[in-house]
Amino acid sequence: MIPPVPPIAVSRPLLFGLVAAGALAAVALEPPHASFAAGFAAGAGSVFVLSFMKRADGGSASPPNEGPGSPP
C-alpha cells in the first residue's frame, strides 16, 4: 500500500502563470495538443480557486494581532 503524501504548498502567482500558459497554449496549438493544454489550464485554475477558498481571510499567513511589535 502506498503511504499518504502531505500536500505541497504552491504559490498563487505560480498557479496563475500555469493557467495563463495553458490558456495561451490551448489557443496557439493544434487540436490534440490544444485539448491537453485546455485541460491543464482548467486543472491549474481549479487549484488556484481552491487556494482562495481554503483561507476565508484572504490568505494572510499569521493572525493580525501577532507579530514582533504586538502586545502580549
N, C-alpha and C. Protein backbone atom coordinates (compact mmCIF):
# COMPACT_ATOMS: atom_id res chain seq x y z
N MET A 1 0.84 -1.18 0.00
CA MET A 1 0.00 0.00 0.00
C MET A 1 0.89 1.25 0.00
N ILE A 2 0.48 2.24 -0.75
CA ILE A 2 1.24 3.48 -0.86
C ILE A 2 0.89 4.40 0.32
N PRO A 3 1.89 4.92 1.04
CA PRO A 3 1.59 5.81 2.16
C PRO A 3 1.05 7.16 1.66
N PRO A 4 0.21 7.82 2.46
CA PRO A 4 -0.31 9.13 2.03
C PRO A 4 0.80 10.17 1.97
N VAL A 5 0.67 11.10 1.04
CA VAL A 5 1.66 12.14 0.84
C VAL A 5 1.06 13.46 1.32
N PRO A 6 1.77 14.22 2.15
CA PRO A 6 1.23 15.50 2.60
C PRO A 6 1.12 16.49 1.44
N PRO A 7 0.17 17.42 1.51
CA PRO A 7 0.04 18.41 0.44
C PRO A 7 1.24 19.33 0.37
N ILE A 8 1.50 19.83 -0.82
CA ILE A 8 2.64 20.71 -1.06
C ILE A 8 2.11 22.13 -1.26
N ALA A 9 2.70 23.08 -0.57
CA ALA A 9 2.29 24.47 -0.73
C ALA A 9 2.86 25.02 -2.04
N VAL A 10 2.00 25.62 -2.84
CA VAL A 10 2.39 26.20 -4.12
C VAL A 10 1.92 27.65 -4.13
N SER A 11 2.74 28.54 -4.64
CA SER A 11 2.39 29.95 -4.63
C SER A 11 1.30 30.26 -5.63
N ARG A 12 0.48 31.22 -5.31
CA ARG A 12 -0.61 31.62 -6.20
C ARG A 12 -0.12 32.24 -7.49
N PRO A 13 0.94 33.04 -7.49
CA PRO A 13 1.44 33.54 -8.79
C PRO A 13 1.89 32.42 -9.72
N LEU A 14 2.47 31.36 -9.17
CA LEU A 14 2.86 30.22 -9.99
C LEU A 14 1.63 29.56 -10.61
N LEU A 15 0.58 29.37 -9.81
CA LEU A 15 -0.65 28.78 -10.33
C LEU A 15 -1.27 29.67 -11.40
N PHE A 16 -1.25 30.97 -11.18
CA PHE A 16 -1.80 31.90 -12.17
C PHE A 16 -1.00 31.82 -13.47
N GLY A 17 0.31 31.70 -13.36
CA GLY A 17 1.15 31.56 -14.54
C GLY A 17 0.86 30.27 -15.30
N LEU A 18 0.60 29.18 -14.57
CA LEU A 18 0.26 27.92 -15.22
C LEU A 18 -1.08 28.01 -15.94
N VAL A 19 -2.04 28.71 -15.35
CA VAL A 19 -3.33 28.91 -16.01
C VAL A 19 -3.13 29.72 -17.29
N ALA A 20 -2.37 30.79 -17.21
CA ALA A 20 -2.14 31.64 -18.39
C ALA A 20 -1.39 30.87 -19.48
N ALA A 21 -0.38 30.11 -19.10
CA ALA A 21 0.39 29.35 -20.10
C ALA A 21 -0.48 28.29 -20.76
N GLY A 22 -1.31 27.62 -19.98
CA GLY A 22 -2.20 26.62 -20.55
C GLY A 22 -3.24 27.23 -21.47
N ALA A 23 -3.77 28.38 -21.10
CA ALA A 23 -4.76 29.05 -21.95
C ALA A 23 -4.14 29.52 -23.26
N LEU A 24 -2.95 30.08 -23.19
CA LEU A 24 -2.27 30.52 -24.42
C LEU A 24 -1.92 29.33 -25.32
N ALA A 25 -1.47 28.25 -24.71
CA ALA A 25 -1.14 27.07 -25.50
C ALA A 25 -2.39 26.46 -26.12
N ALA A 26 -3.52 26.52 -25.42
CA ALA A 26 -4.77 25.98 -25.97
C ALA A 26 -5.21 26.75 -27.20
N VAL A 27 -4.93 28.03 -27.23
CA VAL A 27 -5.30 28.85 -28.38
C VAL A 27 -4.31 28.67 -29.53
N ALA A 28 -3.03 28.53 -29.21
CA ALA A 28 -1.99 28.54 -30.23
C ALA A 28 -1.72 27.18 -30.88
N LEU A 29 -1.99 26.08 -30.18
CA LEU A 29 -1.61 24.76 -30.68
C LEU A 29 -2.72 24.11 -31.50
N GLU A 30 -2.34 23.02 -32.16
CA GLU A 30 -3.29 22.23 -32.96
C GLU A 30 -4.18 21.39 -32.04
N PRO A 31 -5.30 20.86 -32.54
CA PRO A 31 -6.30 20.18 -31.72
C PRO A 31 -5.84 19.12 -30.73
N PRO A 32 -4.99 18.16 -31.04
CA PRO A 32 -4.69 17.18 -29.98
C PRO A 32 -3.96 17.80 -28.80
N HIS A 33 -3.06 18.73 -29.09
CA HIS A 33 -2.30 19.36 -28.02
C HIS A 33 -3.10 20.48 -27.35
N ALA A 34 -3.98 21.10 -28.10
CA ALA A 34 -4.78 22.20 -27.55
C ALA A 34 -5.73 21.69 -26.48
N SER A 35 -6.30 20.52 -26.67
CA SER A 35 -7.23 19.98 -25.67
C SER A 35 -6.49 19.63 -24.38
N PHE A 36 -5.27 19.12 -24.51
CA PHE A 36 -4.47 18.85 -23.31
C PHE A 36 -4.14 20.14 -22.57
N ALA A 37 -3.75 21.17 -23.31
CA ALA A 37 -3.40 22.46 -22.70
C ALA A 37 -4.62 23.09 -22.03
N ALA A 38 -5.79 22.94 -22.65
CA ALA A 38 -7.01 23.48 -22.04
C ALA A 38 -7.34 22.75 -20.74
N GLY A 39 -7.18 21.45 -20.73
CA GLY A 39 -7.40 20.68 -19.50
C GLY A 39 -6.39 21.03 -18.43
N PHE A 40 -5.15 21.25 -18.83
CA PHE A 40 -4.11 21.66 -17.89
C PHE A 40 -4.45 23.01 -17.27
N ALA A 41 -4.91 23.96 -18.09
CA ALA A 41 -5.29 25.28 -17.58
C ALA A 41 -6.49 25.17 -16.66
N ALA A 42 -7.44 24.32 -16.98
CA ALA A 42 -8.62 24.15 -16.12
C ALA A 42 -8.22 23.53 -14.77
N GLY A 43 -7.33 22.57 -14.79
CA GLY A 43 -6.88 21.96 -13.53
C GLY A 43 -6.12 22.94 -12.67
N ALA A 44 -5.21 23.70 -13.27
CA ALA A 44 -4.46 24.70 -12.50
C ALA A 44 -5.38 25.80 -12.01
N GLY A 45 -6.39 26.14 -12.81
CA GLY A 45 -7.35 27.16 -12.39
C GLY A 45 -8.20 26.71 -11.21
N SER A 46 -8.57 25.44 -11.20
CA SER A 46 -9.37 24.95 -10.08
C SER A 46 -8.55 24.95 -8.78
N VAL A 47 -7.27 24.60 -8.87
CA VAL A 47 -6.41 24.65 -7.68
C VAL A 47 -6.20 26.10 -7.25
N PHE A 48 -6.11 27.02 -8.21
CA PHE A 48 -5.97 28.44 -7.90
C PHE A 48 -7.19 28.94 -7.12
N VAL A 49 -8.39 28.57 -7.56
CA VAL A 49 -9.62 28.97 -6.86
C VAL A 49 -9.69 28.32 -5.49
N LEU A 50 -9.34 27.04 -5.40
CA LEU A 50 -9.37 26.37 -4.11
C LEU A 50 -8.39 26.97 -3.12
N SER A 51 -7.29 27.52 -3.59
CA SER A 51 -6.33 28.14 -2.68
C SER A 51 -6.93 29.38 -2.02
N PHE A 52 -7.83 30.08 -2.71
CA PHE A 52 -8.50 31.22 -2.10
C PHE A 52 -9.62 30.77 -1.17
N MET A 53 -10.26 29.66 -1.48
CA MET A 53 -11.36 29.18 -0.64
C MET A 53 -10.85 28.56 0.65
N LYS A 54 -9.59 28.10 0.66
CA LYS A 54 -9.04 27.45 1.85
C LYS A 54 -8.95 28.42 3.02
N ARG A 55 -8.59 29.65 2.75
CA ARG A 55 -8.50 30.67 3.80
C ARG A 55 -9.56 31.73 3.56
N ALA A 56 -10.45 31.90 4.50
CA ALA A 56 -11.53 32.86 4.36
C ALA A 56 -11.05 34.30 4.51
N ASP A 57 -9.90 34.51 5.18
CA ASP A 57 -9.42 35.87 5.44
C ASP A 57 -8.58 36.42 4.29
N GLY A 58 -8.47 35.71 3.20
CA GLY A 58 -7.73 36.21 2.05
C GLY A 58 -6.31 35.69 1.96
N GLY A 59 -5.90 34.84 2.87
CA GLY A 59 -4.61 34.20 2.74
C GLY A 59 -3.50 34.80 3.58
N SER A 60 -3.80 35.57 4.62
CA SER A 60 -2.73 36.10 5.45
C SER A 60 -2.07 34.95 6.20
N ALA A 61 -0.77 34.99 6.29
CA ALA A 61 -0.01 33.88 6.88
C ALA A 61 -0.13 33.82 8.40
N SER A 62 -0.27 34.96 9.05
CA SER A 62 -0.37 34.95 10.51
C SER A 62 -1.57 35.80 10.94
N PRO A 63 -2.10 35.53 12.13
CA PRO A 63 -3.20 36.35 12.63
C PRO A 63 -2.79 37.81 12.76
N PRO A 64 -3.70 38.77 12.58
CA PRO A 64 -3.32 40.19 12.56
C PRO A 64 -2.78 40.72 13.87
N ASN A 65 -3.08 40.10 15.02
CA ASN A 65 -2.64 40.63 16.31
C ASN A 65 -1.33 40.01 16.78
N GLU A 66 -0.73 39.14 16.00
CA GLU A 66 0.53 38.52 16.39
C GLU A 66 1.66 39.02 15.50
N GLY A 67 2.78 39.29 16.10
CA GLY A 67 3.92 39.75 15.34
C GLY A 67 4.98 40.29 16.25
N PRO A 68 6.07 40.82 15.72
CA PRO A 68 7.17 41.29 16.55
C PRO A 68 6.81 42.44 17.50
N GLY A 69 5.95 43.35 17.08
CA GLY A 69 5.65 44.51 17.91
C GLY A 69 4.29 44.46 18.60
N SER A 70 3.64 43.30 18.64
CA SER A 70 2.30 43.23 19.23
C SER A 70 2.37 43.05 20.74
N PRO A 71 1.37 43.56 21.46
CA PRO A 71 1.36 43.39 22.92
C PRO A 71 1.04 41.94 23.27
N PRO A 72 1.53 41.47 24.43
CA PRO A 72 1.30 40.06 24.82
C PRO A 72 -0.12 39.75 25.18
